[in-house]
Amino acid sequence: MMHAEYFAGIAKFDYLGYSTSLDMDNQIGVSLIRFGVDDIPDTRFLYDANGALNYNNIQFFNAADYALMLTYAHDVSDAFKLGVNAKIIHRNVGKFAQAWGFGLDVGGIYLMERWRFGVMLRDVTSTFNAWFHNAELVRDIYAQTNNVIPVNSIELTLPRAILSATRDVDINDEISVQGVLDLEVTFDGRRNTAIRTGLASFEPRLGLEGSFRKMAFLRLGGSHIQRIKDFDGTFYTAWKPSFGVGVFLNNKFQIDYALSDIGGISQTPYSHVFSVKVSLKEYEKKFRINKGWDN
């Protein structure tokens, strides 16, 4: 279970997930996600027929995205794991528009002593959303304000790949460090990323986690490296730092907290992310040591 707030609380993200093992080599999971902005004022009828302001005519609506994810994972061997994720997506903008969509993610991880290498292909089939608009609700207002009347359409999300490498280092019997390097590859044109070509854009992300007795964790990270043009025509490089802590309260409960965009590097305000993990049975010690992996 996780809750996060973006843009200083304007947008809210909620996640609820459950997973279980079918047998020694097969696992399944189900997840529910909601990301939305609530209580958006509908000002279409702010002015009455006489042209006077009437705030009692303001109504409110929500704009939210929902996703149901069904997950299956298989242990090909002790070192190699594969997984697939099917997504059913529903998007709703009050009574004005809604969409339904479907997509697939595929991933794999290879374990090698203190190294882990992973590959994730998101939206591998291109995730689509079919939009249906209730144009009659806005036709008159849009015509008066010279806005385009919305029509039903198909929205596509192109595939992207995420490459990851993780290394564990033991400082002593009580303190250890884990470093992670991710490389996200997108194929939807040249983005403002650290590395970009006409074919793909590459965005590196770096994370570092220190743990004490595998019970308390301190995390630091950096992402979104961009070269930005200032008002005077000069360029500067910006990146987004993040910070987090985690703790196992006991053998069944784990709490994590993260703070992103420390110092307001990006144009969006900082975000708080809280998550709680609950196990129906007690975590074994090797679960904390290996983050759930058997070896």
Foldseek 3Di string as FASTA:
>chain_A
DKWKAWLVRQKIKDKDKDKDAPDPWKIKMKMKIKIKGWFDWDCPCQADPVRDGDPVPIDGFMWMKMKIKIKMKGDPDLFKIKMKIKIWIWTDDGQFKIKIKIAMKIKMWGDDPQKIKMKIKGRVVWIKIWMQGPQVVCVVVCVVVVHDRDHIDMDTDDIKMKIKMKGKADPDPFKIKMKMKIKIKDQPAFDQAPDGDRGIRIWMKIKMWMGTNLFKIKIKIKTDWGWDQDPVRDIDIFIKIKIKMKGDPFQFKIKIKMKIRPPVRDVRDIMIMIDMGGDPDGHDSVCSVVVHRPD
